[in-house]
Amino acid sequence: MRLDKFLAQSDLGMRKRVRDYVKDGCVKVNGEVIWEPAIEINESSDVIEYLGKVIVYTGKVYYMFNKPAGCVTARKDAVNKTVFDYFDNENMNGIFHVGRLDKDTEGLLLLTNDGEFERKLMDPQNHVEKTYFFWALGSLDKEDIKQLEQGISLGKGKIQTAPSKIEVQKNGLYKEFEQEMASENLCNINQNYYNLPAVSGYLTISEGRNHQVKRMLKAVGCYVLYLKRVSIGALKLDDSLERGQYRHLALSEDECNEV
C-alpha cells in the first residue's frame, strides 16, 4: 500500500494533507524518516510514525447518511450547519463526502476515506445513476417526459443533458396532495398554490451538473418544491434512517461492491 493512502485511511487527514506531512519530514517508516508519499509500505508489518506517535491502521470507512434539508455539504461553514456536525461521536479525520447535495435537498449522502470508491461513483465516465424523488409545481405530459428521457437543454448554449429516466407518481392539483407533501416535511406549503397543478415522481440521471434535477424539471415548466436523493448506483437510502441519522457501511456489504 502507498504510504499516503495508509495515512489517509488511518484518520490522519485527507490525501493531499498527509502528503504534506511526509514532505515536511513528519513521518517515519520503521524508524527512518521518509520524504516520498508514494512509497510502498506493508500496512501489516511496517511501523509507521507521525510526529513520534505510532499510527494504527483503521482501514476504509463508509457511512450512509440521510441528509436533512437546511444543512450544507461541507466540512465547515461560518453560517450554516454542515453534514459533519451530525457526526460528533465519530472520528472524521480523513473522511470526506462523496459528491454533494444542495442545502435544501434531502436524502442519501455517502462519506468515506476511500478515494477510489469516490472516483468510481463520481467519475462522469462511469455513468453511475442517481435517483431523486421530487414534488414540483406544474405537470408532466407525454411530450415533457419524452424530452427529459431523451435529454434536454438547460439553457441557451448549454450542452444537452444525457438521457434520463423518469417515473411520474402523481399528477393533479396542489391542494389534493397538501397533506402528503406535509408528511415529507415540506417547509414551503403555500395556500396560493392550492389550485395550481402539482406533480411527483422519480428522476434518474447519470451526470452531476449544478442543480441538474431542478434545472431539468424547470426546462419543462416544473418548479421543484421538494427534492430527495434515494439511491446512488446500487446503494439505496436505508428507510430506517431518520433525517440526520447515519450508519456504517461494511466492506462485506454487497451493495458496496456492486456500485
Protein backbone atom coordinates (compact mmCIF):
# COMPACT_ATOMS: atom_id res chain seq x y z
CA MET A 1 0.00 0.00 0.00
CA ARG A 2 1.17 3.55 -0.70
CA LEU A 3 2.24 5.48 2.37
CA ASP A 4 -0.07 8.43 1.69
CA LYS A 5 -3.03 6.10 1.25
CA PHE A 6 -2.19 4.36 4.54
CA LEU A 7 -2.05 7.69 6.38
CA ALA A 8 -5.30 8.95 4.85
CA GLN A 9 -7.11 5.75 5.75
CA SER A 10 -5.74 5.95 9.29
CA ASP A 11 -7.74 9.09 10.08
CA LEU A 12 -4.68 11.35 9.85
CA GLY A 13 -6.17 13.60 7.20
CA MET A 14 -7.09 13.76 3.54
CA ARG A 15 -4.60 12.52 0.94
CA LYS A 16 -3.35 15.99 0.00
CA ARG A 17 -2.70 16.92 3.63
CA VAL A 18 -0.87 13.73 4.57
CA ARG A 19 1.41 14.11 1.55
CA ASP A 20 2.50 17.44 3.02
CA TYR A 21 3.17 15.72 6.36
CA VAL A 22 5.54 13.32 4.61
CA LYS A 23 7.28 16.03 2.59
CA ASP A 24 7.78 18.01 5.81
CA GLY A 25 9.64 15.06 7.37
CA CYS A 26 6.97 14.29 9.93
CA VAL A 27 6.58 10.60 9.06
CA LYS A 28 8.86 7.66 9.81
CA VAL A 29 8.69 4.10 8.50
CA ASN A 30 10.48 1.56 10.70
CA GLY A 31 12.35 4.39 12.42
CA GLU A 32 13.53 6.09 9.22
CA VAL A 33 12.24 9.49 8.09
CA ILE A 34 10.50 9.13 4.72
CA TRP A 35 10.20 12.01 2.26
CA GLU A 36 8.28 10.35 -0.57
CA PRO A 37 4.48 9.95 -0.05
CA ALA A 38 4.14 7.37 -2.84
CA ILE A 39 6.49 4.71 -1.43
CA GLU A 40 5.02 1.26 -0.88
CA ILE A 41 4.70 0.05 2.71
CA ASN A 42 3.36 -3.09 4.35
CA GLU A 43 0.43 -1.99 6.48
CA SER A 44 0.52 -5.25 8.44
CA SER A 45 4.21 -5.35 9.46
CA ASP A 46 5.80 -1.91 8.99
CA VAL A 47 5.79 0.55 11.91
CA ILE A 48 4.54 3.95 10.78
CA GLU A 49 5.01 7.01 12.99
CA TYR A 50 3.73 10.56 12.71
CA LEU A 51 5.50 13.10 14.95
CA GLY A 52 6.78 10.21 17.05
CA LYS A 53 3.39 8.56 17.52
CA VAL A 54 2.74 5.11 16.07
CA ILE A 55 -0.18 5.21 13.62
CA VAL A 56 -2.78 2.47 13.90
CA TYR A 57 -4.27 1.50 10.56
CA THR A 58 -8.05 1.87 10.64
CA GLY A 59 -8.74 0.88 7.05
CA LYS A 60 -11.51 2.09 4.79
CA VAL A 61 -14.60 3.63 6.34
CA TYR A 62 -18.00 4.20 4.74
CA TYR A 63 -21.06 5.99 6.08
CA MET A 64 -24.60 6.23 4.71
CA PHE A 65 -26.19 9.50 5.85
CA ASN A 66 -29.77 10.69 5.45
CA LYS A 67 -29.08 14.37 4.91
CA PRO A 68 -31.82 16.72 6.13
CA ALA A 69 -32.68 19.97 4.40
CA GLY A 70 -31.09 23.09 5.85
CA CYS A 71 -27.51 21.87 6.21
CA VAL A 72 -24.71 22.27 3.71
CA THR A 73 -22.45 19.59 2.27
CA ALA A 74 -19.17 20.93 3.63
CA ARG A 75 -16.76 20.31 6.48
CA LYS A 76 -17.05 23.83 7.90
CA ASP A 77 -19.36 26.78 7.30
CA ALA A 78 -19.44 30.12 9.09
CA VAL A 79 -23.21 30.43 8.83
CA ASN A 80 -24.90 27.08 8.25
CA LYS A 81 -24.89 23.72 9.96
CA THR A 82 -22.87 21.19 7.96
CA VAL A 83 -23.31 17.47 7.36
CA PHE A 84 -20.21 16.83 9.51
CA ASP A 85 -21.96 18.40 12.51
CA TYR A 86 -24.10 15.25 12.68
CA PHE A 87 -21.03 13.05 13.30
CA ASP A 88 -19.95 14.41 16.69
CA ASN A 89 -19.44 10.92 18.07
CA GLU A 90 -17.14 9.79 15.25
CA ASN A 91 -13.52 10.49 14.35
CA MET A 92 -13.96 12.18 10.99
CA ASN A 93 -10.29 12.91 10.24
CA GLY A 94 -9.63 11.86 6.67
CA ILE A 95 -13.35 11.38 5.95
CA PHE A 96 -14.90 13.33 3.08
CA HIS A 97 -18.31 13.49 1.42
CA VAL A 98 -18.84 11.72 -1.90
CA GLY A 99 -20.30 14.39 -4.17
CA ARG A 100 -22.72 16.82 -2.59
CA LEU A 101 -26.36 17.74 -2.13
CA ASP A 102 -27.83 21.24 -2.21
CA LYS A 103 -28.69 22.86 1.10
CA ASP A 104 -32.44 22.29 0.60
CA THR A 105 -32.09 18.77 -0.84
CA GLU A 106 -32.52 15.76 1.43
CA GLY A 107 -31.55 12.14 1.23
CA LEU A 108 -28.67 9.81 0.51
CA LEU A 109 -25.17 11.17 1.05
CA LEU A 110 -22.12 8.93 1.36
CA LEU A 111 -18.99 9.75 3.35
CA THR A 112 -15.73 7.80 3.23
CA ASN A 113 -11.94 7.91 3.32
CA ASP A 114 -11.75 5.73 0.19
CA GLY A 115 -10.73 7.87 -2.77
CA GLU A 116 -11.12 5.02 -5.24
CA PHE A 117 -14.69 4.47 -4.10
CA GLU A 118 -15.42 8.18 -4.57
CA ARG A 119 -13.93 8.23 -8.07
CA LYS A 120 -15.88 5.13 -9.04
CA LEU A 121 -19.12 6.84 -8.07
CA MET A 122 -18.43 10.38 -9.22
CA ASP A 123 -16.37 9.99 -12.41
CA PRO A 124 -18.70 11.12 -15.26
CA GLN A 125 -17.26 8.42 -17.50
CA ASN A 126 -18.71 5.73 -15.22
CA HIS A 127 -22.28 7.00 -15.70
CA VAL A 128 -23.37 5.94 -12.21
CA GLU A 129 -27.11 6.54 -11.91
CA LYS A 130 -28.55 8.72 -9.15
CA THR A 131 -32.28 8.71 -8.45
CA TYR A 132 -34.22 11.59 -6.88
CA PHE A 133 -37.79 11.83 -5.62
CA PHE A 134 -39.47 15.19 -6.21
CA TRP A 135 -42.58 17.25 -5.66
CA ALA A 136 -42.99 20.14 -8.09
CA LEU A 137 -45.48 22.75 -9.20
CA GLY A 138 -46.51 22.04 -12.77
CA SER A 139 -47.44 18.96 -14.75
CA LEU A 140 -45.69 16.42 -16.93
CA ASP A 141 -47.32 15.15 -20.11
CA LYS A 142 -46.01 12.57 -22.54
CA GLU A 143 -44.02 15.14 -24.51
CA ASP A 144 -42.35 16.52 -21.37
CA ILE A 145 -41.40 13.01 -20.29
CA LYS A 146 -40.01 12.26 -23.74
CA GLN A 147 -37.83 15.39 -23.63
CA LEU A 148 -36.46 14.53 -20.20
CA GLU A 149 -35.75 10.94 -21.16
CA GLN A 150 -34.03 11.82 -24.44
CA GLY A 151 -32.00 14.71 -22.98
CA ILE A 152 -32.87 18.35 -22.65
CA SER A 153 -31.10 21.70 -22.97
CA LEU A 154 -30.66 23.56 -19.67
CA GLY A 155 -30.31 26.92 -21.36
CA LYS A 156 -29.11 28.70 -24.46
CA GLY A 157 -25.67 27.48 -25.45
CA LYS A 158 -25.74 24.68 -22.87
CA ILE A 159 -24.88 21.10 -23.78
CA GLN A 160 -27.94 18.86 -23.76
CA THR A 161 -28.25 16.53 -20.79
CA ALA A 162 -27.64 12.82 -21.15
CA PRO A 163 -30.71 10.57 -21.42
CA SER A 164 -32.53 10.09 -18.12
CA LYS A 165 -35.33 8.00 -16.68
CA ILE A 166 -38.50 9.43 -15.17
CA GLU A 167 -41.35 7.78 -13.36
CA VAL A 168 -44.34 10.03 -12.65
CA GLN A 169 -46.14 9.13 -9.43
CA LYS A 170 -48.92 11.68 -9.18
CA ASN A 171 -50.33 14.46 -11.37
CA GLY A 172 -53.10 16.71 -10.07
CA LEU A 173 -53.77 19.87 -8.09
CA TYR A 174 -51.56 21.05 -5.27
CA LYS A 175 -54.48 21.01 -2.80
CA GLU A 176 -55.02 17.29 -3.43
CA PHE A 177 -51.52 16.50 -2.20
CA GLU A 178 -51.05 19.06 0.60
CA GLN A 179 -51.16 16.51 3.42
CA GLU A 180 -48.85 14.15 1.58
CA MET A 181 -46.35 16.95 0.97
CA ALA A 182 -46.53 17.97 4.63
CA SER A 183 -45.55 14.43 5.62
CA GLU A 184 -42.32 14.98 3.68
CA ASN A 185 -41.61 17.97 5.93
CA LEU A 186 -42.13 20.35 3.03
CA CYS A 187 -41.42 23.75 4.52
CA ASN A 188 -43.00 25.99 1.87
CA ILE A 189 -46.64 24.88 1.98
CA ASN A 190 -48.46 27.84 0.45
CA GLN A 191 -52.21 28.43 0.12
CA ASN A 192 -51.57 30.47 -3.03
CA TYR A 193 -50.60 27.19 -4.71
CA TYR A 194 -53.83 25.34 -3.89
CA ASN A 195 -55.39 25.46 -7.36
CA LEU A 196 -52.13 25.06 -9.25
CA PRO A 197 -51.07 21.77 -10.85
CA ALA A 198 -48.56 19.67 -8.96
CA VAL A 199 -46.62 16.53 -9.81
CA SER A 200 -44.43 14.00 -8.02
CA GLY A 201 -42.12 11.32 -9.30
CA TYR A 202 -38.63 9.87 -9.58
CA LEU A 203 -35.95 11.24 -11.90
CA THR A 204 -32.80 9.22 -12.55
CA ILE A 205 -29.73 10.90 -14.03
CA SER A 206 -26.18 9.77 -14.74
CA GLU A 207 -24.50 13.17 -14.61
CA GLY A 208 -23.77 15.65 -11.84
CA ARG A 209 -24.30 19.14 -13.19
CA ASN A 210 -25.03 22.01 -10.83
CA HIS A 211 -28.69 21.87 -9.65
CA GLN A 212 -29.32 19.49 -12.54
CA VAL A 213 -32.61 17.91 -11.43
CA LYS A 214 -34.18 21.28 -10.63
CA ARG A 215 -32.99 22.74 -13.92
CA MET A 216 -34.20 19.78 -15.95
CA LEU A 217 -37.67 19.98 -14.46
CA LYS A 218 -37.74 23.74 -14.83
CA ALA A 219 -36.96 23.31 -18.54
CA VAL A 220 -40.32 21.53 -18.92
CA GLY A 221 -42.22 24.03 -16.77
CA CYS A 222 -41.99 22.41 -13.34
CA TYR A 223 -40.80 24.24 -10.22
CA VAL A 224 -39.31 21.87 -7.61
CA LEU A 225 -40.68 22.24 -4.09
CA TYR A 226 -39.05 19.17 -2.53
CA LEU A 227 -36.12 17.01 -3.59
CA LYS A 228 -34.68 13.88 -2.03
CA ARG A 229 -31.94 11.59 -3.36
CA VAL A 230 -32.96 7.99 -2.79
CA SER A 231 -30.18 6.00 -4.49
CA ILE A 232 -26.69 6.10 -5.98
CA GLY A 233 -25.99 3.15 -8.22
CA ALA A 234 -26.93 0.00 -6.29
CA LEU A 235 -26.86 1.82 -2.93
CA LYS A 236 -30.35 2.75 -1.72
CA LEU A 237 -31.13 5.00 1.21
CA ASP A 238 -31.96 2.90 4.26
CA ASP A 239 -35.64 3.52 5.06
CA SER A 240 -34.94 3.07 8.76
CA LEU A 241 -32.67 6.13 8.85
CA GLU A 242 -34.43 9.26 10.06
CA ARG A 243 -33.34 12.65 8.76
CA GLY A 244 -29.94 13.45 10.25
CA GLN A 245 -29.13 9.82 11.08
CA TYR A 246 -26.33 7.69 9.63
CA ARG A 247 -24.98 4.17 9.73
CA HIS A 248 -21.76 2.39 8.80
CA LEU A 249 -21.48 0.52 5.54
CA ALA A 250 -19.30 -2.56 5.90
CA LEU A 251 -16.94 -3.64 3.12
CA SER A 252 -18.66 -7.03 3.14
CA GLU A 253 -21.98 -5.48 2.14
CA ASP A 254 -22.90 -6.49 -1.39
CA GLU A 255 -24.21 -3.01 -2.12
CA CYS A 256 -20.71 -1.52 -1.67
CA ASN A 257 -19.19 -3.92 -4.13
CA GLU A 258 -21.94 -3.58 -6.72
CA VAL A 259 -21.84 0.20 -7.09
